[in-house]
Amino acid sequence: MINKTLIFKFGADGGGASVFRSDEGKFIETGSSGGMLDEDEDPIISWVKEFDSFEAWWKDFKQQHKQFWPFFYPIFIHSDIKAFIEKEITDFHSDDEYSQPDFESWKDRLESKDTNY
């Protein structure tokens, strides 16, 4: 049995994902999306992906979601990655004036002392 530690969890309308660090040092994303409409138009899709580092996972996450990642809902941010996430928020820039996130929910999660998720 592989022991895993939750590192990051986010939600979005109709889905979300969790990222775990395994005892072997791999980062495993489990997620699902769909199901908000009928099953034919919006089937539920589940996945599991593995990465060598959190940074590799984050790169994939940003490539997949482009400038829209800030609009997801952070649910849990492990203390080990808070500085990394804070830098990503600080460095975020969008040329689209209509997609400027306020990062309020992200900052709330970064300030949270909750370690029991």
PDB file of N, CA and C in Angstrom:
ATOM      1  N   MET A   1       0.837  -1.185   0.000  1.00  0.00           N
ATOM      2  CA  MET A   1       0.000   0.000   0.000  1.00  0.00           C
ATOM      3  C   MET A   1       0.883   1.251   0.000  1.00  0.00           C
ATOM      4  N   ILE A   2       0.567   2.176  -0.880  1.00  0.00           N
ATOM      5  CA  ILE A   2       1.323   3.418  -0.993  1.00  0.00           C
ATOM      6  C   ILE A   2       0.703   4.455  -0.067  1.00  0.00           C
ATOM      7  N   ASN A   3       1.540   5.037   0.801  1.00  0.00           N
ATOM      8  CA  ASN A   3       1.075   6.135   1.649  1.00  0.00           C
ATOM      9  C   ASN A   3       1.198   7.424   0.867  1.00  0.00           C
ATOM     10  N   LYS A   4       0.163   8.269   0.982  1.00  0.00           N
ATOM     11  CA  LYS A   4       0.142   9.527   0.250  1.00  0.00           C
ATOM     12  C   LYS A   4      -0.202  10.662   1.201  1.00  0.00           C
ATOM     13  N   THR A   5       0.366  11.826   0.931  1.00  0.00           N
ATOM     14  CA  THR A   5       0.076  13.045   1.677  1.00  0.00           C
ATOM     15  C   THR A   5      -0.574  14.035   0.727  1.00  0.00           C
ATOM     16  N   LEU A   6      -1.729  14.574   1.116  1.00  0.00           N
ATOM     17  CA  LEU A   6      -2.386  15.579   0.294  1.00  0.00           C
ATOM     18  C   LEU A   6      -1.536  16.841   0.270  1.00  0.00           C
ATOM     19  N   ILE A   7      -1.247  17.329  -0.936  1.00  0.00           N
ATOM     20  CA  ILE A   7      -0.419  18.516  -1.121  1.00  0.00           C
ATOM     21  C   ILE A   7      -1.253  19.695  -1.612  1.00  0.00           C
ATOM     22  N   PHE A   8      -2.207  19.405  -2.492  1.00  0.00           N
ATOM     23  CA  PHE A   8      -2.988  20.474  -3.114  1.00  0.00           C
ATOM     24  C   PHE A   8      -4.320  19.903  -3.558  1.00  0.00           C
ATOM     25  N   LYS A   9      -5.372  20.687  -3.366  1.00  0.00           N
ATOM     26  CA  LYS A   9      -6.693  20.275  -3.828  1.00  0.00           C
ATOM     27  C   LYS A   9      -7.398  21.506  -4.352  1.00  0.00           C
ATOM     28  N   PHE A  10      -8.030  21.347  -5.530  1.00  0.00           N
ATOM     29  CA  PHE A  10      -8.772  22.471  -6.102  1.00  0.00           C
ATOM     30  C   PHE A  10     -10.068  21.973  -6.705  1.00  0.00           C
ATOM     31  N   GLY A  11     -10.999  22.890  -6.815  1.00  0.00           N
ATOM     32  CA  GLY A  11     -12.273  22.589  -7.431  1.00  0.00           C
ATOM     33  C   GLY A  11     -12.559  23.555  -8.560  1.00  0.00           C
ATOM     34  N   ALA A  12     -13.487  23.149  -9.397  1.00  0.00           N
ATOM     35  CA  ALA A  12     -13.969  23.971 -10.501  1.00  0.00           C
ATOM     36  C   ALA A  12     -15.414  23.579 -10.719  1.00  0.00           C
ATOM     37  N   ASP A  13     -16.150  24.412 -11.408  1.00  0.00           N
ATOM     38  CA  ASP A  13     -17.525  24.040 -11.707  1.00  0.00           C
ATOM     39  C   ASP A  13     -17.517  22.722 -12.467  1.00  0.00           C
ATOM     40  N   GLY A  14     -18.105  21.714 -11.867  1.00  0.00           N
ATOM     41  CA  GLY A  14     -18.198  20.414 -12.518  1.00  0.00           C
ATOM     42  C   GLY A  14     -16.989  19.526 -12.367  1.00  0.00           C
ATOM     43  N   GLY A  15     -16.121  19.808 -11.404  1.00  0.00           N
ATOM     44  CA  GLY A  15     -14.969  18.925 -11.253  1.00  0.00           C
ATOM     45  C   GLY A  15     -13.941  19.445 -10.276  1.00  0.00           C
ATOM     46  N   GLY A  16     -12.779  18.861 -10.354  1.00  0.00           N
ATOM     47  CA  GLY A  16     -11.674  19.238  -9.497  1.00  0.00           C
ATOM     48  C   GLY A  16     -10.660  18.121  -9.419  1.00  0.00           C
ATOM     49  N   ALA A  17      -9.618  18.347  -8.646  1.00  0.00           N
ATOM     50  CA  ALA A  17      -8.562  17.348  -8.522  1.00  0.00           C
ATOM     51  C   ALA A  17      -7.827  17.515  -7.204  1.00  0.00           C
ATOM     52  N   SER A  18      -7.169  16.443  -6.809  1.00  0.00           N
ATOM     53  CA  SER A  18      -6.297  16.433  -5.636  1.00  0.00           C
ATOM     54  C   SER A  18      -4.919  15.977  -6.074  1.00  0.00           C
ATOM     55  N   VAL A  19      -3.894  16.560  -5.471  1.00  0.00           N
ATOM     56  CA  VAL A  19      -2.517  16.175  -5.764  1.00  0.00           C
ATOM     57  C   VAL A  19      -1.907  15.648  -4.469  1.00  0.00           C
ATOM     58  N   PHE A  20      -1.369  14.440  -4.536  1.00  0.00           N
ATOM     59  CA  PHE A  20      -0.770  13.778  -3.386  1.00  0.00           C
ATOM     60  C   PHE A  20       0.711  13.560  -3.636  1.00  0.00           C
ATOM     61  N   ARG A  21       1.495  13.567  -2.560  1.00  0.00           N
ATOM     62  CA  ARG A  21       2.903  13.165  -2.629  1.00  0.00           C
ATOM     63  C   ARG A  21       2.992  11.770  -2.045  1.00  0.00           C
ATOM     64  N   SER A  22       3.541  10.844  -2.798  1.00  0.00           N
ATOM     65  CA  SER A  22       3.688   9.477  -2.307  1.00  0.00           C
ATOM     66  C   SER A  22       4.973   9.357  -1.494  1.00  0.00           C
ATOM     67  N   ASP A  23       5.079   8.292  -0.715  1.00  0.00           N
ATOM     68  CA  ASP A  23       6.301   8.038   0.052  1.00  0.00           C
ATOM     69  C   ASP A  23       7.510   7.868  -0.861  1.00  0.00           C
ATOM     70  N   GLU A  24       7.255   7.491  -2.111  1.00  0.00           N
ATOM     71  CA  GLU A  24       8.336   7.317  -3.082  1.00  0.00           C
ATOM     72  C   GLU A  24       8.751   8.637  -3.720  1.00  0.00           C
ATOM     73  N   GLY A  25       8.083   9.736  -3.362  1.00  0.00           N
ATOM     74  CA  GLY A  25       8.436  11.041  -3.890  1.00  0.00           C
ATOM     75  C   GLY A  25       7.744  11.418  -5.188  1.00  0.00           C
ATOM     76  N   LYS A  26       6.829  10.592  -5.659  1.00  0.00           N
ATOM     77  CA  LYS A  26       6.050  10.904  -6.859  1.00  0.00           C
ATOM     78  C   LYS A  26       4.869  11.779  -6.468  1.00  0.00           C
ATOM     79  N   PHE A  27       4.345  12.528  -7.431  1.00  0.00           N
ATOM     80  CA  PHE A  27       3.169  13.361  -7.215  1.00  0.00           C
ATOM     81  C   PHE A  27       2.048  12.813  -8.084  1.00  0.00           C
ATOM     82  N   ILE A  28       0.948  12.492  -7.446  1.00  0.00           N
ATOM     83  CA  ILE A  28      -0.160  11.808  -8.100  1.00  0.00           C
ATOM     84  C   ILE A  28      -1.391  12.705  -8.079  1.00  0.00           C
ATOM     85  N   GLU A  29      -1.923  12.978  -9.259  1.00  0.00           N
ATOM     86  CA  GLU A  29      -3.150  13.758  -9.378  1.00  0.00           C
ATOM     87  C   GLU A  29      -4.308  12.795  -9.620  1.00  0.00           C
ATOM     88  N   THR A  30      -5.357  12.939  -8.833  1.00  0.00           N
ATOM     89  CA  THR A  30      -6.605  12.224  -9.081  1.00  0.00           C
ATOM     90  C   THR A  30      -7.684  13.274  -9.254  1.00  0.00           C
ATOM     91  N   GLY A  31      -8.509  13.103 -10.259  1.00  0.00           N
ATOM     92  CA  GLY A  31      -9.518  14.116 -10.506  1.00  0.00           C
ATOM     93  C   GLY A  31     -10.712  13.583 -11.263  1.00  0.00           C
ATOM     94  N   SER A  32     -11.709  14.443 -11.373  1.00  0.00           N
ATOM     95  CA  SER A  32     -12.896  14.117 -12.152  1.00  0.00           C
ATOM     96  C   SER A  32     -13.516  15.409 -12.666  1.00  0.00           C
ATOM     97  N   SER A  33     -14.264  15.270 -13.741  1.00  0.00           N
ATOM     98  CA  SER A  33     -14.997  16.408 -14.291  1.00  0.00           C
ATOM     99  C   SER A  33     -16.239  15.891 -14.990  1.00  0.00           C
ATOM    100  N   GLY A  34     -17.150  16.799 -15.226  1.00  0.00           N
ATOM    101  CA  GLY A  34     -18.368  16.448 -15.934  1.00  0.00           C
ATOM    102  C   GLY A  34     -19.515  16.169 -14.993  1.00  0.00           C
ATOM    103  N   GLY A  35     -20.634  15.754 -15.590  1.00  0.00           N
ATOM    104  CA  GLY A  35     -21.805  15.395 -14.811  1.00  0.00           C
ATOM    105  C   GLY A  35     -22.723  16.545 -14.464  1.00  0.00           C
ATOM    106  N   MET A  36     -22.417  17.749 -14.936  1.00  0.00           N
ATOM    107  CA  MET A  36     -23.289  18.885 -14.623  1.00  0.00           C
ATOM    108  C   MET A  36     -24.496  18.920 -15.564  1.00  0.00           C
ATOM    109  N   LEU A  37     -24.327  18.368 -16.752  1.00  0.00           N
ATOM    110  CA  LEU A  37     -25.423  18.272 -17.714  1.00  0.00           C
ATOM    111  C   LEU A  37     -25.846  16.804 -17.760  1.00  0.00           C
ATOM    112  N   ASP A  38     -26.580  16.430 -18.782  1.00  0.00           N
ATOM    113  CA  ASP A  38     -26.939  15.015 -18.859  1.00  0.00           C
ATOM    114  C   ASP A  38     -25.715  14.196 -19.249  1.00  0.00           C
ATOM    115  N   GLU A  39     -25.765  12.915 -18.992  1.00  0.00           N
ATOM    116  CA  GLU A  39     -24.623  12.017 -19.171  1.00  0.00           C
ATOM    117  C   GLU A  39     -24.124  11.974 -20.621  1.00  0.00           C
ATOM    118  N   ASP A  40     -25.000  12.188 -21.600  1.00  0.00           N
ATOM    119  CA  ASP A  40     -24.574  12.153 -22.998  1.00  0.00           C
ATOM    120  C   ASP A  40     -23.763  13.387 -23.377  1.00  0.00           C
ATOM    121  N   GLU A  41     -24.202  14.546 -22.905  1.00  0.00           N
ATOM    122  CA  GLU A  41     -23.513  15.795 -23.255  1.00  0.00           C
ATOM    123  C   GLU A  41     -22.304  16.078 -22.376  1.00  0.00           C
ATOM    124  N   ASP A  42     -22.327  15.588 -21.152  1.00  0.00           N
ATOM    125  CA  ASP A  42     -21.289  15.925 -20.177  1.00  0.00           C
ATOM    126  C   ASP A  42     -20.962  14.703 -19.318  1.00  0.00           C
ATOM    127  N   PRO A  43     -20.354  13.691 -19.931  1.00  0.00           N
ATOM    128  CA  PRO A  43     -20.070  12.474 -19.168  1.00  0.00           C
ATOM    129  C   PRO A  43     -19.052  12.739 -18.058  1.00  0.00           C
ATOM    130  N   ILE A  44     -19.159  11.964 -17.011  1.00  0.00           N
ATOM    131  CA  ILE A  44     -18.191  12.061 -15.917  1.00  0.00           C
ATOM    132  C   ILE A  44     -16.906  11.377 -16.360  1.00  0.00           C
ATOM    133  N   ILE A  45     -15.823  12.115 -16.236  1.00  0.00           N
ATOM    134  CA  ILE A  45     -14.503  11.611 -16.599  1.00  0.00           C
ATOM    135  C   ILE A  45     -13.634  11.649 -15.352  1.00  0.00           C
ATOM    136  N   SER A  46     -12.972  10.549 -15.059  1.00  0.00           N
ATOM    137  CA  SER A  46     -12.038  10.477 -13.926  1.00  0.00           C
ATOM    138  C   SER A  46     -10.654  10.140 -14.459  1.00  0.00           C
ATOM    139  N   TRP A  47      -9.619  10.586 -13.745  1.00  0.00           N
ATOM    140  CA  TRP A  47      -8.263  10.309 -14.188  1.00  0.00           C
ATOM    141  C   TRP A  47      -7.312  10.218 -13.010  1.00  0.00           C
ATOM    142  N   VAL A  48      -6.166   9.632 -13.295  1.00  0.00           N
ATOM    143  CA  VAL A  48      -5.032   9.577 -12.375  1.00  0.00           C
ATOM    144  C   VAL A  48      -3.793   9.833 -13.222  1.00  0.00           C
ATOM    145  N   LYS A  49      -2.964  10.778 -12.801  1.00  0.00           N
ATOM    146  CA  LYS A  49      -1.718  11.095 -13.492  1.00  0.00           C
ATOM    147  C   LYS A  49      -0.592  11.093 -12.472  1.00  0.00           C
ATOM    148  N   GLU A  50       0.595  10.766 -12.915  1.00  0.00           N
ATOM    149  CA  GLU A  50       1.757  10.749 -12.019  1.00  0.00           C
ATOM    150  C   GLU A  50       2.844  11.667 -12.564  1.00  0.00           C
ATOM    151  N   PHE A  51       3.507  12.382 -11.640  1.00  0.00           N
ATOM    152  CA  PHE A  51       4.566  13.326 -11.998  1.00  0.00           C
ATOM    153  C   PHE A  51       5.766  13.107 -11.072  1.00  0.00           C
ATOM    154  N   ASP A  52       6.942  13.522 -11.541  1.00  0.00           N
ATOM    155  CA  ASP A  52       8.168  13.358 -10.750  1.00  0.00           C
ATOM    156  C   ASP A  52       8.334  14.420  -9.676  1.00  0.00           C
ATOM    157  N   SER A  53       7.646  15.570  -9.828  1.00  0.00           N
ATOM    158  CA  SER A  53       7.780  16.647  -8.854  1.00  0.00           C
ATOM    159  C   SER A  53       6.512  17.492  -8.865  1.00  0.00           C
ATOM    160  N   PHE A  54       6.343  18.292  -7.824  1.00  0.00           N
ATOM    161  CA  PHE A  54       5.205  19.206  -7.811  1.00  0.00           C
ATOM    162  C   PHE A  54       5.363  20.241  -8.912  1.00  0.00           C
ATOM    163  N   GLU A  55       6.588  20.688  -9.144  1.00  0.00           N
ATOM    164  CA  GLU A  55       6.842  21.670 -10.190  1.00  0.00           C
ATOM    165  C   GLU A  55       6.450  21.129 -11.557  1.00  0.00           C
ATOM    166  N   ALA A  56       6.713  19.839 -11.811  1.00  0.00           N
ATOM    167  CA  ALA A  56       6.306  19.217 -13.080  1.00  0.00           C
ATOM    168  C   ALA A  56       4.783  19.156 -13.171  1.00  0.00           C
ATOM    169  N   TRP A  57       4.137  18.833 -12.048  1.00  0.00           N
ATOM    170  CA  TRP A  57       2.670  18.832 -12.047  1.00  0.00           C
ATOM    171  C   TRP A  57       2.153  20.238 -12.336  1.00  0.00           C
ATOM    172  N   TRP A  58       2.693  21.247 -11.667  1.00  0.00           N
ATOM    173  CA  TRP A  58       2.231  22.621 -11.832  1.00  0.00           C
ATOM    174  C   TRP A  58       2.401  23.084 -13.281  1.00  0.00           C
ATOM    175  N   LYS A  59       3.522  22.737 -13.889  1.00  0.00           N
ATOM    176  CA  LYS A  59       3.758  23.109 -15.292  1.00  0.00           C
ATOM    177  C   LYS A  59       2.671  22.508 -16.173  1.00  0.00           C
ATOM    178  N   ASP A  60       2.341  21.248 -15.968  1.00  0.00           N
ATOM    179  CA  ASP A  60       1.288  20.589 -16.731  1.00  0.00           C
ATOM    180  C   ASP A  60      -0.066  21.253 -16.466  1.00  0.00           C
ATOM    181  N   PHE A  61      -0.336  21.556 -15.210  1.00  0.00           N
ATOM    182  CA  PHE A  61      -1.581  22.216 -14.796  1.00  0.00           C
ATOM    183  C   PHE A  61      -1.748  23.545 -15.525  1.00  0.00           C
ATOM    184  N   LYS A  62      -0.695  24.352 -15.559  1.00  0.00           N
ATOM    185  CA  LYS A  62      -0.756  25.659 -16.212  1.00  0.00           C
ATOM    186  C   LYS A  62      -0.858  25.529 -17.733  1.00  0.00           C
ATOM    187  N   GLN A  63      -0.182  24.551 -18.313  1.00  0.00           N
ATOM    188  CA  GLN A  63      -0.293  24.350 -19.758  1.00  0.00           C
ATOM    189  C   GLN A  63      -1.713  23.921 -20.130  1.00  0.00           C
ATOM    190  N   GLN A  64      -2.293  23.096 -19.306  1.00  0.00           N
ATOM    191  CA  GLN A  64      -3.629  22.593 -19.577  1.00  0.00           C
ATOM    192  C   GLN A  64      -4.702  23.679 -19.418  1.00  0.00           C
ATOM    193  N   HIS A  65      -4.546  24.548 -18.438  1.00  0.00           N
ATOM    194  CA  HIS A  65      -5.592  25.514 -18.115  1.00  0.00           C
ATOM    195  C   HIS A  65      -5.259  26.957 -18.509  1.00  0.00           C
ATOM    196  N   LYS A  66      -4.071  27.162 -19.037  1.00  0.00           N
ATOM    197  CA  LYS A  66      -3.653  28.483 -19.526  1.00  0.00           C
ATOM    198  C   LYS A  66      -3.879  29.571 -18.473  1.00  0.00           C
ATOM    199  N   GLN A  67      -4.416  30.719 -18.881  1.00  0.00           N
ATOM    200  CA  GLN A  67      -4.602  31.845 -17.963  1.00  0.00           C
ATOM    201  C   GLN A  67      -5.832  31.673 -17.076  1.00  0.00           C
ATOM    202  N   PHE A  68      -6.542  30.549 -17.192  1.00  0.00           N
ATOM    203  CA  PHE A  68      -7.764  30.366 -16.411  1.00  0.00           C
ATOM    204  C   PHE A  68      -7.551  29.652 -15.077  1.00  0.00           C
ATOM    205  N   TRP A  69      -6.338  29.155 -14.807  1.00  0.00           N
ATOM    206  CA  TRP A  69      -6.120  28.428 -13.553  1.00  0.00           C
ATOM    207  C   TRP A  69      -6.451  29.251 -12.308  1.00  0.00           C
ATOM    208  N   PRO A  70      -6.251  30.574 -12.297  1.00  0.00           N
ATOM    209  CA  PRO A  70      -6.570  31.322 -11.076  1.00  0.00           C
ATOM    210  C   PRO A  70      -8.054  31.330 -10.726  1.00  0.00           C
ATOM    211  N   PHE A  71      -8.902  30.962 -11.685  1.00  0.00           N
ATOM    212  CA  PHE A  71     -10.336  30.999 -11.444  1.00  0.00           C
ATOM    213  C   PHE A  71     -10.866  29.711 -10.818  1.00  0.00           C
ATOM    214  N   PHE A  72      -9.995  28.718 -10.627  1.00  0.00           N
ATOM    215  CA  PHE A  72     -10.383  27.524  -9.893  1.00  0.00           C
ATOM    216  C   PHE A  72     -10.451  27.869  -8.408  1.00  0.00           C
ATOM    217  N   TYR A  73     -11.029  26.972  -7.627  1.00  0.00           N
ATOM    218  CA  TYR A  73     -11.205  27.208  -6.193  1.00  0.00           C
ATOM    219  C   TYR A  73     -10.196  26.373  -5.409  1.00  0.00           C
ATOM    220  N   PRO A  74      -9.205  27.008  -4.828  1.00  0.00           N
ATOM    221  CA  PRO A  74      -8.268  26.230  -4.009  1.00  0.00           C
ATOM    222  C   PRO A  74      -8.985  25.768  -2.737  1.00  0.00           C
ATOM    223  N   ILE A  75      -8.876  24.508  -2.446  1.00  0.00           N
ATOM    224  CA  ILE A  75      -9.525  23.936  -1.272  1.00  0.00           C
ATOM    225  C   ILE A  75      -8.498  23.651  -0.185  1.00  0.00           C
ATOM    226  N   PHE A  76      -7.321  23.216  -0.594  1.00  0.00           N
ATOM    227  CA  PHE A  76      -6.252  22.924   0.361  1.00  0.00           C
ATOM    228  C   PHE A  76      -4.904  23.180  -0.294  1.00  0.00           C
ATOM    229  N   ILE A  77      -4.014  23.866   0.424  1.00  0.00           N
ATOM    230  CA  ILE A  77      -2.641  24.088  -0.016  1.00  0.00           C
ATOM    231  C   ILE A  77      -1.730  23.689   1.147  1.00  0.00           C
ATOM    232  N   HIS A  78      -0.950  22.641   0.963  1.00  0.00           N
ATOM    233  CA  HIS A  78      -0.040  22.158   1.998  1.00  0.00           C
ATOM    234  C   HIS A  78       1.039  23.197   2.278  1.00  0.00           C
ATOM    235  N   SER A  79       1.470  23.272   3.507  1.00  0.00           N
ATOM    236  CA  SER A  79       2.473  24.271   3.892  1.00  0.00           C
ATOM    237  C   SER A  79       3.777  24.136   3.086  1.00  0.00           C
ATOM    238  N   ASP A  80       4.090  22.923   2.610  1.00  0.00           N
ATOM    239  CA  ASP A  80       5.318  22.711   1.830  1.00  0.00           C
ATOM    240  C   ASP A  80       5.320  23.460   0.500  1.00  0.00           C
ATOM    241  N   ILE A  81       4.139  23.805  -0.014  1.00  0.00           N
ATOM    242  CA  ILE A  81       4.087  24.466  -1.327  1.00  0.00           C
ATOM    243  C   ILE A  81       3.514  25.877  -1.261  1.00  0.00           C
ATOM    244  N   LYS A  82       3.220  26.373  -0.075  1.00  0.00           N
ATOM    245  CA  LYS A  82       2.608  27.702   0.028  1.00  0.00           C
ATOM    246  C   LYS A  82       3.483  28.799  -0.570  1.00  0.00           C
ATOM    247  N   ALA A  83       4.773  28.784  -0.321  1.00  0.00           N
ATOM    248  CA  ALA A  83       5.660  29.811  -0.875  1.00  0.00           C
ATOM    249  C   ALA A  83       5.688  29.731  -2.406  1.00  0.00           C
ATOM    250  N   PHE A  84       5.683  28.524  -2.932  1.00  0.00           N
ATOM    251  CA  PHE A  84       5.659  28.323  -4.382  1.00  0.00           C
ATOM    252  C   PHE A  84       4.384  28.913  -4.983  1.00  0.00           C
ATOM    253  N   ILE A  85       3.239  28.599  -4.387  1.00  0.00           N
ATOM    254  CA  ILE A  85       1.951  29.090  -4.885  1.00  0.00           C
ATOM    255  C   ILE A  85       1.879  30.615  -4.755  1.00  0.00           C
ATOM    256  N   GLU A  86       2.362  31.138  -3.651  1.00  0.00           N
ATOM    257  CA  GLU A  86       2.342  32.587  -3.455  1.00  0.00           C
ATOM    258  C   GLU A  86       3.147  33.295  -4.548  1.00  0.00           C
ATOM    259  N   LYS A  87       4.287  32.731  -4.922  1.00  0.00           N
ATOM    260  CA  LYS A  87       5.098  33.315  -5.992  1.00  0.00           C
ATOM    261  C   LYS A  87       4.355  33.244  -7.320  1.00  0.00           C
ATOM    262  N   GLU A  88       3.671  32.132  -7.582  1.00  0.00           N
ATOM    263  CA  GLU A  88       2.912  31.999  -8.825  1.00  0.00           C
ATOM    264  C   GLU A  88       1.805  33.049  -8.908  1.00  0.00           C
ATOM    265  N   ILE A  89       1.167  33.322  -7.793  1.00  0.00           N
ATOM    266  CA  ILE A  89       0.117  34.344  -7.747  1.00  0.00           C
ATOM    267  C   ILE A  89       0.714  35.727  -7.991  1.00  0.00           C
ATOM    268  N   THR A  90       1.815  36.006  -7.330  1.00  0.00           N
ATOM    269  CA  THR A  90       2.483  37.298  -7.474  1.00  0.00           C
ATOM    270  C   THR A  90       2.954  37.518  -8.908  1.00  0.00           C
ATOM    271  N   ASP A  91       3.447  36.458  -9.546  1.00  0.00           N
ATOM    272  CA  ASP A  91       4.006  36.560 -10.895  1.00  0.00           C
ATOM    273  C   ASP A  91       2.950  36.466 -11.998  1.00  0.00           C
ATOM    274  N   PHE A  92       1.699  36.165 -11.650  1.00  0.00           N
ATOM    275  CA  PHE A  92       0.664  35.983 -12.665  1.00  0.00           C
ATOM    276  C   PHE A  92       0.389  37.281 -13.409  1.00  0.00           C
ATOM    277  N   HIS A  93       0.280  37.157 -14.714  1.00  0.00           N
ATOM    278  CA  HIS A  93      -0.077  38.304 -15.543  1.00  0.00           C
ATOM    279  C   HIS A  93      -0.936  37.820 -16.705  1.00  0.00           C
ATOM    280  N   SER A  94      -1.986  38.539 -16.973  1.00  0.00           N
ATOM    281  CA  SER A  94      -2.841  38.247 -18.119  1.00  0.00           C
ATOM    282  C   SER A  94      -2.981  39.510 -18.950  1.00  0.00           C
ATOM    283  N   ASP A  95      -2.862  39.358 -20.245  1.00  0.00           N
ATOM    284  CA  ASP A  95      -3.045  40.496 -21.151  1.00  0.00           C
ATOM    285  C   ASP A  95      -4.525  40.800 -21.375  1.00  0.00           C
ATOM    286  N   ASP A  96      -5.388  39.883 -20.942  1.00  0.00           N
ATOM    287  CA  ASP A  96      -6.831  40.046 -21.114  1.00  0.00           C
ATOM    288  C   ASP A  96      -7.396  40.785 -19.903  1.00  0.00           C
ATOM    289  N   GLU A  97      -7.824  42.019 -20.104  1.00  0.00           N
ATOM    290  CA  GLU A  97      -8.321  42.830 -18.992  1.00  0.00           C
ATOM    291  C   GLU A  97      -9.564  42.239 -18.342  1.00  0.00           C
ATOM    292  N   TYR A  98     -10.268  41.367 -19.051  1.00  0.00           N
ATOM    293  CA  TYR A  98     -11.492  40.774 -18.512  1.00  0.00           C
ATOM    294  C   TYR A  98     -11.226  39.505 -17.705  1.00  0.00           C
ATOM    295  N   SER A  99     -10.008  39.031 -17.715  1.00  0.00           N
ATOM    296  CA  SER A  99      -9.707  37.817 -16.960  1.00  0.00           C
ATOM    297  C   SER A  99      -8.645  38.080 -15.895  1.00  0.00           C
ATOM    298  N   GLN A 100      -8.784  39.184 -15.195  1.00  0.00           N
ATOM    299  CA  GLN A 100      -7.871  39.505 -14.102  1.00  0.00           C
ATOM    300  C   GLN A 100      -8.462  38.985 -12.791  1.00  0.00           C
ATOM    301  N   PRO A 101      -7.928  37.901 -12.265  1.00  0.00           N
ATOM    302  CA  PRO A 101      -8.455  37.356 -11.014  1.00  0.00           C
ATOM    303  C   PRO A 101      -8.061  38.222  -9.820  1.00  0.00           C
ATOM    304  N   ASP A 102      -8.858  38.152  -8.768  1.00  0.00           N
ATOM    305  CA  ASP A 102      -8.489  38.898  -7.568  1.00  0.00           C
ATOM    306  C   ASP A 102      -7.704  38.027  -6.582  1.00  0.00           C
ATOM    307  N   PHE A 103      -7.670  36.728  -6.797  1.00  0.00           N
ATOM    308  CA  PHE A 103      -6.911  35.778  -5.979  1.00  0.00           C
ATOM    309  C   PHE A 103      -7.352  35.750  -4.521  1.00  0.00           C
ATOM    310  N   GLU A 104      -8.511  36.287  -4.204  1.00  0.00           N
ATOM    311  CA  GLU A 104      -8.964  36.322  -2.815  1.00  0.00           C
ATOM    312  C   GLU A 104      -9.037  34.929  -2.201  1.00  0.00           C
ATOM    313  N   SER A 105      -9.644  33.978  -2.897  1.00  0.00           N
ATOM    314  CA  SER A 105      -9.765  32.633  -2.328  1.00  0.00           C
ATOM    315  C   SER A 105      -8.394  31.959  -2.211  1.00  0.00           C
ATOM    316  N   TRP A 106      -7.492  32.260  -3.135  1.00  0.00           N
ATOM    317  CA  TRP A 106      -6.139  31.706  -3.055  1.00  0.00           C
ATOM    318  C   TRP A 106      -5.393  32.263  -1.841  1.00  0.00           C
ATOM    319  N   LYS A 107      -5.519  33.555  -1.631  1.00  0.00           N
ATOM    320  CA  LYS A 107      -4.848  34.180  -0.482  1.00  0.00           C
ATOM    321  C   LYS A 107      -5.432  33.669   0.835  1.00  0.00           C
ATOM    322  N   ASP A 108      -6.740  33.443   0.875  1.00  0.00           N
ATOM    323  CA  ASP A 108      -7.370  32.862   2.070  1.00  0.00           C
ATOM    324  C   ASP A 108      -6.777  31.497   2.383  1.00  0.00           C
ATOM    325  N   ARG A 109      -6.600  30.678   1.363  1.00  0.00           N
ATOM    326  CA  ARG A 109      -6.029  29.339   1.561  1.00  0.00           C
ATOM    327  C   ARG A 109      -4.564  29.444   1.981  1.00  0.00           C
ATOM    328  N   LEU A 110      -3.845  30.390   1.414  1.00  0.00           N
ATOM    329  CA  LEU A 110      -2.437  30.550   1.787  1.00  0.00           C
ATOM    330  C   LEU A 110      -2.291  30.988   3.238  1.00  0.00           C
ATOM    331  N   GLU A 111      -3.226  31.778   3.729  1.00  0.00           N
ATOM    332  CA  GLU A 111      -3.177  32.254   5.110  1.00  0.00           C
ATOM    333  C   GLU A 111      -3.740  31.245   6.095  1.00  0.00           C
ATOM    334  N   SER A 112      -4.441  30.243   5.606  1.00  0.00           N
ATOM    335  CA  SER A 112      -5.066  29.253   6.480  1.00  0.00           C
ATOM    336  C   SER A 112      -4.008  28.430   7.220  1.00  0.00           C
ATOM    337  N   LYS A 113      -4.261  28.204   8.473  1.00  0.00           N
ATOM    338  CA  LYS A 113      -3.383  27.365   9.293  1.00  0.00           C
ATOM    339  C   LYS A 113      -3.896  25.933   9.352  1.00  0.00           C
ATOM    340  N   ASP A 114      -4.999  25.665   8.643  1.00  0.00           N
ATOM    341  CA  ASP A 114      -5.611  24.334   8.645  1.00  0.00           C
ATOM    342  C   ASP A 114      -4.680  23.309   8.018  1.00  0.00           C
ATOM    343  N   THR A 115      -4.275  22.347   8.809  1.00  0.00           N
ATOM    344  CA  THR A 115      -3.422  21.273   8.296  1.00  0.00           C
ATOM    345  C   THR A 115      -4.148  19.937   8.304  1.00  0.00           C
ATOM    346  N   ASN A 116      -5.393  19.947   8.718  1.00  0.00           N
ATOM    347  CA  ASN A 116      -6.154  18.695   8.824  1.00  0.00           C
ATOM    348  C   ASN A 116      -7.201  18.592   7.737  1.00  0.00           C
ATOM    349  N   TYR A 117      -6.745  18.309   6.547  1.00  0.00           N
ATOM    350  CA  TYR A 117      -7.719  18.130   5.497  1.00  0.00           C
ATOM    351  C   TYR A 117      -7.872  16.668   5.211  1.00  0.00           C
TER     352      TYR A 117
END
